[in-house]
Amino acid sequence: MAGLADEVSRQSGKQITYTDLPVDKYVGVLVDGGTPQAGAEIVADGDRGVASGDLHVEGNDLERLIGRQPTTLAEASRDAM
């Protein structure tokens, strides 16, 4: 997420920051925002897994699956502006 914040900052010319919260604090923020406790715990645990590399795959599986080069973060950020 820090990389995404950096790229959006670069593309937009505005400083975007990312704060990595511990799971318990993230759950609290989600609950305070109206997410039910159980849902907040699921989201926070999923994000914890992503941050620790649970979804990281080496190789070109995505390219083979979609039949083209994946869009880069820079391209996606630029196109979203």
PDB file of N, CA and C in Angstrom:
ATOM      1  N   MET A   1       0.815  -1.194   0.000  1.00  0.00           N
ATOM      2  CA  MET A   1       0.000   0.000   0.000  1.00  0.00           C
ATOM      3  C   MET A   1       0.859   1.259   0.000  1.00  0.00           C
ATOM      4  N   ALA A   2       2.032   1.182   0.622  1.00  0.00           N
ATOM      5  CA  ALA A   2       2.929   2.342   0.600  1.00  0.00           C
ATOM      6  C   ALA A   2       3.351   2.643  -0.830  1.00  0.00           C
ATOM      7  N   GLY A   3       3.601   1.603  -1.617  1.00  0.00           N
ATOM      8  CA  GLY A   3       3.955   1.788  -3.018  1.00  0.00           C
ATOM      9  C   GLY A   3       2.829   2.429  -3.807  1.00  0.00           C
ATOM     10  N   LEU A   4       1.596   2.042  -3.516  1.00  0.00           N
ATOM     11  CA  LEU A   4       0.445   2.645  -4.173  1.00  0.00           C
ATOM     12  C   LEU A   4       0.353   4.126  -3.807  1.00  0.00           C
ATOM     13  N   ALA A   5       0.510   4.444  -2.534  1.00  0.00           N
ATOM     14  CA  ALA A   5       0.474   5.849  -2.100  1.00  0.00           C
ATOM     15  C   ALA A   5       1.561   6.656  -2.796  1.00  0.00           C
ATOM     16  N   ASP A   6       2.754   6.084  -2.917  1.00  0.00           N
ATOM     17  CA  ASP A   6       3.856   6.774  -3.594  1.00  0.00           C
ATOM     18  C   ASP A   6       3.531   7.026  -5.063  1.00  0.00           C
ATOM     19  N   GLU A   7       2.981   6.026  -5.718  1.00  0.00           N
ATOM     20  CA  GLU A   7       2.675   6.171  -7.146  1.00  0.00           C
ATOM     21  C   GLU A   7       1.546   7.165  -7.377  1.00  0.00           C
ATOM     22  N   VAL A   8       0.515   7.127  -6.551  1.00  0.00           N
ATOM     23  CA  VAL A   8      -0.576   8.099  -6.690  1.00  0.00           C
ATOM     24  C   VAL A   8      -0.050   9.510  -6.407  1.00  0.00           C
ATOM     25  N   SER A   9       0.840   9.643  -5.446  1.00  0.00           N
ATOM     26  CA  SER A   9       1.467  10.944  -5.182  1.00  0.00           C
ATOM     27  C   SER A   9       2.201  11.437  -6.414  1.00  0.00           C
ATOM     28  N   ARG A  10       2.981  10.560  -7.017  1.00  0.00           N
ATOM     29  CA  ARG A  10       3.754  10.922  -8.199  1.00  0.00           C
ATOM     30  C   ARG A  10       2.841  11.329  -9.349  1.00  0.00           C
ATOM     31  N   GLN A  11       1.797  10.553  -9.581  1.00  0.00           N
ATOM     32  CA  GLN A  11       0.892  10.810 -10.704  1.00  0.00           C
ATOM     33  C   GLN A  11       0.032  12.052 -10.481  1.00  0.00           C
ATOM     34  N   SER A  12      -0.382  12.295  -9.243  1.00  0.00           N
ATOM     35  CA  SER A  12      -1.310  13.395  -8.964  1.00  0.00           C
ATOM     36  C   SER A  12      -0.617  14.702  -8.605  1.00  0.00           C
ATOM     37  N   GLY A  13       0.650  14.605  -8.212  1.00  0.00           N
ATOM     38  CA  GLY A  13       1.343  15.801  -7.752  1.00  0.00           C
ATOM     39  C   GLY A  13       0.944  16.216  -6.349  1.00  0.00           C
ATOM     40  N   LYS A  14       0.198  15.360  -5.663  1.00  0.00           N
ATOM     41  CA  LYS A  14      -0.231  15.622  -4.286  1.00  0.00           C
ATOM     42  C   LYS A  14       0.383  14.569  -3.381  1.00  0.00           C
ATOM     43  N   GLN A  15       0.761  14.963  -2.171  1.00  0.00           N
ATOM     44  CA  GLN A  15       1.359  14.018  -1.234  1.00  0.00           C
ATOM     45  C   GLN A  15       0.269  13.127  -0.635  1.00  0.00           C
ATOM     46  N   ILE A  16       0.363  11.846  -0.893  1.00  0.00           N
ATOM     47  CA  ILE A  16      -0.552  10.850  -0.344  1.00  0.00           C
ATOM     48  C   ILE A  16       0.260   9.979   0.610  1.00  0.00           C
ATOM     49  N   THR A  17      -0.242   9.790   1.810  1.00  0.00           N
ATOM     50  CA  THR A  17       0.484   8.969   2.775  1.00  0.00           C
ATOM     51  C   THR A  17      -0.321   7.715   3.101  1.00  0.00           C
ATOM     52  N   TYR A  18       0.383   6.720   3.551  1.00  0.00           N
ATOM     53  CA  TYR A  18      -0.221   5.456   3.979  1.00  0.00           C
ATOM     54  C   TYR A  18       0.298   5.140   5.374  1.00  0.00           C
ATOM     55  N   THR A  19      -0.613   4.786   6.252  1.00  0.00           N
ATOM     56  CA  THR A  19      -0.241   4.391   7.606  1.00  0.00           C
ATOM     57  C   THR A  19      -0.612   2.930   7.788  1.00  0.00           C
ATOM     58  N   ASP A  20       0.378   2.104   8.058  1.00  0.00           N
ATOM     59  CA  ASP A  20       0.153   0.679   8.276  1.00  0.00           C
ATOM     60  C   ASP A  20      -0.215   0.476   9.740  1.00  0.00           C
ATOM     61  N   LEU A  21      -1.461   0.139   9.985  1.00  0.00           N
ATOM     62  CA  LEU A  21      -1.939  -0.047  11.351  1.00  0.00           C
ATOM     63  C   LEU A  21      -1.786  -1.490  11.801  1.00  0.00           C
ATOM     64  N   PRO A  22      -1.506  -1.714  13.077  1.00  0.00           N
ATOM     65  CA  PRO A  22      -1.569  -3.074  13.605  1.00  0.00           C
ATOM     66  C   PRO A  22      -3.004  -3.593  13.452  1.00  0.00           C
ATOM     67  N   VAL A  23      -3.152  -4.898  13.345  1.00  0.00           N
ATOM     68  CA  VAL A  23      -4.461  -5.509  13.088  1.00  0.00           C
ATOM     69  C   VAL A  23      -5.515  -5.029  14.077  1.00  0.00           C
ATOM     70  N   ASP A  24      -5.201  -5.004  15.370  1.00  0.00           N
ATOM     71  CA  ASP A  24      -6.215  -4.614  16.362  1.00  0.00           C
ATOM     72  C   ASP A  24      -6.663  -3.168  16.176  1.00  0.00           C
ATOM     73  N   LYS A  25      -5.744  -2.290  15.828  1.00  0.00           N
ATOM     74  CA  LYS A  25      -6.112  -0.886  15.601  1.00  0.00           C
ATOM     75  C   LYS A  25      -6.929  -0.750  14.316  1.00  0.00           C
ATOM     76  N   TYR A  26      -6.572  -1.515  13.299  1.00  0.00           N
ATOM     77  CA  TYR A  26      -7.323  -1.486  12.048  1.00  0.00           C
ATOM     78  C   TYR A  26      -8.751  -1.970  12.274  1.00  0.00           C
ATOM     79  N   VAL A  27      -8.906  -3.038  13.039  1.00  0.00           N
ATOM     80  CA  VAL A  27     -10.242  -3.522  13.388  1.00  0.00           C
ATOM     81  C   VAL A  27     -11.020  -2.402  14.065  1.00  0.00           C
ATOM     82  N   GLY A  28     -10.384  -1.709  15.010  1.00  0.00           N
ATOM     83  CA  GLY A  28     -11.043  -0.617  15.717  1.00  0.00           C
ATOM     84  C   GLY A  28     -11.497   0.494  14.785  1.00  0.00           C
ATOM     85  N   VAL A  29     -10.662   0.864  13.841  1.00  0.00           N
ATOM     86  CA  VAL A  29     -11.024   1.913  12.874  1.00  0.00           C
ATOM     87  C   VAL A  29     -12.229   1.464  12.045  1.00  0.00           C
ATOM     88  N   LEU A  30     -12.200   0.224  11.585  1.00  0.00           N
ATOM     89  CA  LEU A  30     -13.315  -0.289  10.788  1.00  0.00           C
ATOM     90  C   LEU A  30     -14.607  -0.331  11.596  1.00  0.00           C
ATOM     91  N   VAL A  31     -14.522  -0.800  12.833  1.00  0.00           N
ATOM     92  CA  VAL A  31     -15.714  -0.861  13.698  1.00  0.00           C
ATOM     93  C   VAL A  31     -16.227   0.552  13.972  1.00  0.00           C
ATOM     94  N   ASP A  32     -15.322   1.474  14.267  1.00  0.00           N
ATOM     95  CA  ASP A  32     -15.727   2.864  14.505  1.00  0.00           C
ATOM     96  C   ASP A  32     -16.409   3.470  13.283  1.00  0.00           C
ATOM     97  N   GLY A  33     -16.049   2.983  12.101  1.00  0.00           N
ATOM     98  CA  GLY A  33     -16.650   3.460  10.862  1.00  0.00           C
ATOM     99  C   GLY A  33     -17.946   2.756  10.501  1.00  0.00           C
ATOM    100  N   GLY A  34     -18.380   1.808  11.343  1.00  0.00           N
ATOM    101  CA  GLY A  34     -19.664   1.157  11.123  1.00  0.00           C
ATOM    102  C   GLY A  34     -19.608  -0.280  10.645  1.00  0.00           C
ATOM    103  N   THR A  35     -18.414  -0.825  10.471  1.00  0.00           N
ATOM    104  CA  THR A  35     -18.306  -2.220  10.055  1.00  0.00           C
ATOM    105  C   THR A  35     -18.577  -3.118  11.260  1.00  0.00           C
ATOM    106  N   PRO A  36     -19.406  -4.132  11.113  1.00  0.00           N
ATOM    107  CA  PRO A  36     -19.622  -5.059  12.232  1.00  0.00           C
ATOM    108  C   PRO A  36     -18.293  -5.712  12.657  1.00  0.00           C
ATOM    109  N   GLN A  37     -18.165  -6.012  13.922  1.00  0.00           N
ATOM    110  CA  GLN A  37     -16.924  -6.554  14.487  1.00  0.00           C
ATOM    111  C   GLN A  37     -16.406  -7.751  13.692  1.00  0.00           C
ATOM    112  N   ALA A  38     -17.274  -8.721  13.415  1.00  0.00           N
ATOM    113  CA  ALA A  38     -16.829  -9.927  12.710  1.00  0.00           C
ATOM    114  C   ALA A  38     -16.312  -9.583  11.312  1.00  0.00           C
ATOM    115  N   GLY A  39     -17.001  -8.695  10.629  1.00  0.00           N
ATOM    116  CA  GLY A  39     -16.559  -8.289   9.297  1.00  0.00           C
ATOM    117  C   GLY A  39     -15.232  -7.543   9.339  1.00  0.00           C
ATOM    118  N   ALA A  40     -15.083  -6.687  10.350  1.00  0.00           N
ATOM    119  CA  ALA A  40     -13.836  -5.934  10.513  1.00  0.00           C
ATOM    120  C   ALA A  40     -12.668  -6.884  10.752  1.00  0.00           C
ATOM    121  N   GLU A  41     -12.886  -7.915  11.547  1.00  0.00           N
ATOM    122  CA  GLU A  41     -11.824  -8.883  11.825  1.00  0.00           C
ATOM    123  C   GLU A  41     -11.437  -9.659  10.567  1.00  0.00           C
ATOM    124  N   ILE A  42     -12.415  -9.981   9.741  1.00  0.00           N
ATOM    125  CA  ILE A  42     -12.136 -10.698   8.492  1.00  0.00           C
ATOM    126  C   ILE A  42     -11.328  -9.817   7.546  1.00  0.00           C
ATOM    127  N   VAL A  43     -11.757  -8.574   7.380  1.00  0.00           N
ATOM    128  CA  VAL A  43     -11.039  -7.646   6.492  1.00  0.00           C
ATOM    129  C   VAL A  43      -9.614  -7.431   6.986  1.00  0.00           C
ATOM    130  N   ALA A  44      -9.463  -7.161   8.275  1.00  0.00           N
ATOM    131  CA  ALA A  44      -8.135  -6.897   8.837  1.00  0.00           C
ATOM    132  C   ALA A  44      -7.229  -8.117   8.699  1.00  0.00           C
ATOM    133  N   ASP A  45      -7.775  -9.304   8.905  1.00  0.00           N
ATOM    134  CA  ASP A  45      -6.959 -10.506   8.761  1.00  0.00           C
ATOM    135  C   ASP A  45      -6.562 -10.721   7.306  1.00  0.00           C
ATOM    136  N   GLY A  46      -7.473 -10.443   6.386  1.00  0.00           N
ATOM    137  CA  GLY A  46      -7.131 -10.549   4.969  1.00  0.00           C
ATOM    138  C   GLY A  46      -6.021  -9.587   4.585  1.00  0.00           C
ATOM    139  N   ASP A  47      -6.113  -8.367   5.064  1.00  0.00           N
ATOM    140  CA  ASP A  47      -5.066  -7.380   4.779  1.00  0.00           C
ATOM    141  C   ASP A  47      -3.742  -7.781   5.415  1.00  0.00           C
ATOM    142  N   ARG A  48      -3.791  -8.363   6.593  1.00  0.00           N
ATOM    143  CA  ARG A  48      -2.573  -8.862   7.247  1.00  0.00           C
ATOM    144  C   ARG A  48      -1.921  -9.925   6.381  1.00  0.00           C
ATOM    145  N   GLY A  49      -2.723 -10.816   5.843  1.00  0.00           N
ATOM    146  CA  GLY A  49      -2.198 -11.863   4.972  1.00  0.00           C
ATOM    147  C   GLY A  49      -1.572 -11.318   3.710  1.00  0.00           C
ATOM    148  N   VAL A  50      -2.238 -10.362   3.093  1.00  0.00           N
ATOM    149  CA  VAL A  50      -1.685  -9.741   1.884  1.00  0.00           C
ATOM    150  C   VAL A  50      -0.353  -9.068   2.215  1.00  0.00           C
ATOM    151  N   ALA A  51      -0.306  -8.342   3.329  1.00  0.00           N
ATOM    152  CA  ALA A  51       0.927  -7.641   3.717  1.00  0.00           C
ATOM    153  C   ALA A  51       2.074  -8.610   3.974  1.00  0.00           C
ATOM    154  N   SER A  52       1.756  -9.814   4.428  1.00  0.00           N
ATOM    155  CA  SER A  52       2.817 -10.785   4.709  1.00  0.00           C
ATOM    156  C   SER A  52       3.152 -11.645   3.493  1.00  0.00           C
ATOM    157  N   GLY A  53       2.515 -11.354   2.344  1.00  0.00           N
ATOM    158  CA  GLY A  53       2.874 -12.036   1.106  1.00  0.00           C
ATOM    159  C   GLY A  53       2.027 -13.239   0.758  1.00  0.00           C
ATOM    160  N   ASP A  54       0.910 -13.437   1.441  1.00  0.00           N
ATOM    161  CA  ASP A  54       0.090 -14.616   1.173  1.00  0.00           C
ATOM    162  C   ASP A  54      -0.395 -14.712  -0.272  1.00  0.00           C
ATOM    163  N   LEU A  55      -0.559 -13.594  -0.955  1.00  0.00           N
ATOM    164  CA  LEU A  55      -1.048 -13.626  -2.337  1.00  0.00           C
ATOM    165  C   LEU A  55       0.055 -13.444  -3.372  1.00  0.00           C
ATOM    166  N   HIS A  56       1.299 -13.336  -2.924  1.00  0.00           N
ATOM    167  CA  HIS A  56       2.412 -13.120  -3.852  1.00  0.00           C
ATOM    168  C   HIS A  56       2.695 -14.397  -4.639  1.00  0.00           C
ATOM    169  N   VAL A  57       2.806 -14.244  -5.942  1.00  0.00           N
ATOM    170  CA  VAL A  57       3.093 -15.370  -6.826  1.00  0.00           C
ATOM    171  C   VAL A  57       4.243 -14.962  -7.736  1.00  0.00           C
ATOM    172  N   GLU A  58       5.275 -15.774  -7.772  1.00  0.00           N
ATOM    173  CA  GLU A  58       6.381 -15.556  -8.721  1.00  0.00           C
ATOM    174  C   GLU A  58       5.964 -16.116 -10.071  1.00  0.00           C
ATOM    175  N   GLY A  59       6.439 -15.492 -11.107  1.00  0.00           N
ATOM    176  CA  GLY A  59       6.175 -16.032 -12.435  1.00  0.00           C
ATOM    177  C   GLY A  59       5.182 -15.195 -13.214  1.00  0.00           C
ATOM    178  N   ASN A  60       4.685 -15.779 -14.288  1.00  0.00           N
ATOM    179  CA  ASN A  60       3.804 -15.043 -15.195  1.00  0.00           C
ATOM    180  C   ASN A  60       2.404 -15.649 -15.246  1.00  0.00           C
ATOM    181  N   ASP A  61       1.930 -16.165 -14.118  1.00  0.00           N
ATOM    182  CA  ASP A  61       0.606 -16.795 -14.090  1.00  0.00           C
ATOM    183  C   ASP A  61      -0.500 -15.842 -14.544  1.00  0.00           C
ATOM    184  N   LEU A  62      -0.464 -14.592 -14.054  1.00  0.00           N
ATOM    185  CA  LEU A  62      -1.515 -13.644 -14.431  1.00  0.00           C
ATOM    186  C   LEU A  62      -1.472 -13.358 -15.930  1.00  0.00           C
ATOM    187  N   GLU A  63      -0.299 -13.158 -16.465  1.00  0.00           N
ATOM    188  CA  GLU A  63      -0.161 -12.896 -17.907  1.00  0.00           C
ATOM    189  C   GLU A  63      -0.732 -14.057 -18.721  1.00  0.00           C
ATOM    190  N   ARG A  64      -0.418 -15.262 -18.325  1.00  0.00           N
ATOM    191  CA  ARG A  64      -0.945 -16.440 -19.032  1.00  0.00           C
ATOM    192  C   ARG A  64      -2.461 -16.516 -18.894  1.00  0.00           C
ATOM    193  N   LEU A  65      -2.974 -16.184 -17.734  1.00  0.00           N
ATOM    194  CA  LEU A  65      -4.409 -16.274 -17.488  1.00  0.00           C
ATOM    195  C   LEU A  65      -5.190 -15.261 -18.321  1.00  0.00           C
ATOM    196  N   ILE A  66      -4.701 -14.014 -18.389  1.00  0.00           N
ATOM    197  CA  ILE A  66      -5.449 -12.965 -19.094  1.00  0.00           C
ATOM    198  C   ILE A  66      -5.017 -12.786 -20.545  1.00  0.00           C
ATOM    199  N   GLY A  67      -3.921 -13.456 -20.942  1.00  0.00           N
ATOM    200  CA  GLY A  67      -3.498 -13.421 -22.334  1.00  0.00           C
ATOM    201  C   GLY A  67      -2.821 -12.131 -22.769  1.00  0.00           C
ATOM    202  N   ARG A  68      -2.300 -11.365 -21.817  1.00  0.00           N
ATOM    203  CA  ARG A  68      -1.587 -10.124 -22.141  1.00  0.00           C
ATOM    204  C   ARG A  68      -0.746  -9.727 -20.935  1.00  0.00           C
ATOM    205  N   GLN A  69       0.140  -8.742 -21.143  1.00  0.00           N
ATOM    206  CA  GLN A  69       0.915  -8.218 -20.030  1.00  0.00           C
ATOM    207  C   GLN A  69      -0.032  -7.541 -19.035  1.00  0.00           C
ATOM    208  N   PRO A  70       0.127  -7.784 -17.746  1.00  0.00           N
ATOM    209  CA  PRO A  70      -0.705  -7.076 -16.768  1.00  0.00           C
ATOM    210  C   PRO A  70      -0.427  -5.574 -16.807  1.00  0.00           C
ATOM    211  N   THR A  71      -1.420  -4.798 -16.455  1.00  0.00           N
ATOM    212  CA  THR A  71      -1.272  -3.357 -16.344  1.00  0.00           C
ATOM    213  C   THR A  71      -0.374  -3.052 -15.149  1.00  0.00           C
ATOM    214  N   THR A  72       0.575  -2.157 -15.336  1.00  0.00           N
ATOM    215  CA  THR A  72       1.466  -1.805 -14.226  1.00  0.00           C
ATOM    216  C   THR A  72       0.752  -0.861 -13.260  1.00  0.00           C
ATOM    217  N   LEU A  73       1.284  -0.755 -12.060  1.00  0.00           N
ATOM    218  CA  LEU A  73       0.725   0.182 -11.084  1.00  0.00           C
ATOM    219  C   LEU A  73       0.777   1.603 -11.618  1.00  0.00           C
ATOM    220  N   ALA A  74       1.868   1.973 -12.275  1.00  0.00           N
ATOM    221  CA  ALA A  74       2.000   3.316 -12.834  1.00  0.00           C
ATOM    222  C   ALA A  74       0.919   3.569 -13.894  1.00  0.00           C
ATOM    223  N   GLU A  75       0.687   2.581 -14.762  1.00  0.00           N
ATOM    224  CA  GLU A  75      -0.341   2.738 -15.808  1.00  0.00           C
ATOM    225  C   GLU A  75      -1.730   2.846 -15.206  1.00  0.00           C
ATOM    226  N   ALA A  76      -2.037   1.987 -14.252  1.00  0.00           N
ATOM    227  CA  ALA A  76      -3.356   2.016 -13.624  1.00  0.00           C
ATOM    228  C   ALA A  76      -3.593   3.325 -12.887  1.00  0.00           C
ATOM    229  N   SER A  77      -2.581   3.812 -12.191  1.00  0.00           N
ATOM    230  CA  SER A  77      -2.701   5.077 -11.467  1.00  0.00           C
ATOM    231  C   SER A  77      -2.910   6.234 -12.434  1.00  0.00           C
ATOM    232  N   ARG A  78      -2.121   6.247 -13.503  1.00  0.00           N
ATOM    233  CA  ARG A  78      -2.251   7.308 -14.515  1.00  0.00           C
ATOM    234  C   ARG A  78      -3.638   7.289 -15.133  1.00  0.00           C
ATOM    235  N   ASP A  79      -4.125   6.116 -15.483  1.00  0.00           N
ATOM    236  CA  ASP A  79      -5.424   5.996 -16.140  1.00  0.00           C
ATOM    237  C   ASP A  79      -6.584   6.373 -15.211  1.00  0.00           C
ATOM    238  N   ALA A  80      -6.380   6.241 -13.914  1.00  0.00           N
ATOM    239  CA  ALA A  80      -7.429   6.563 -12.945  1.00  0.00           C
ATOM    240  C   ALA A  80      -7.514   8.065 -12.660  1.00  0.00           C
ATOM    241  N   MET A  81      -6.488   8.809 -13.051  1.00  0.00           N
ATOM    242  CA  MET A  81      -6.456  10.251 -12.761  1.00  0.00           C
ATOM    243  C   MET A  81      -7.372  11.008 -13.684  1.00  0.00           C
TER     244      MET A  81
END
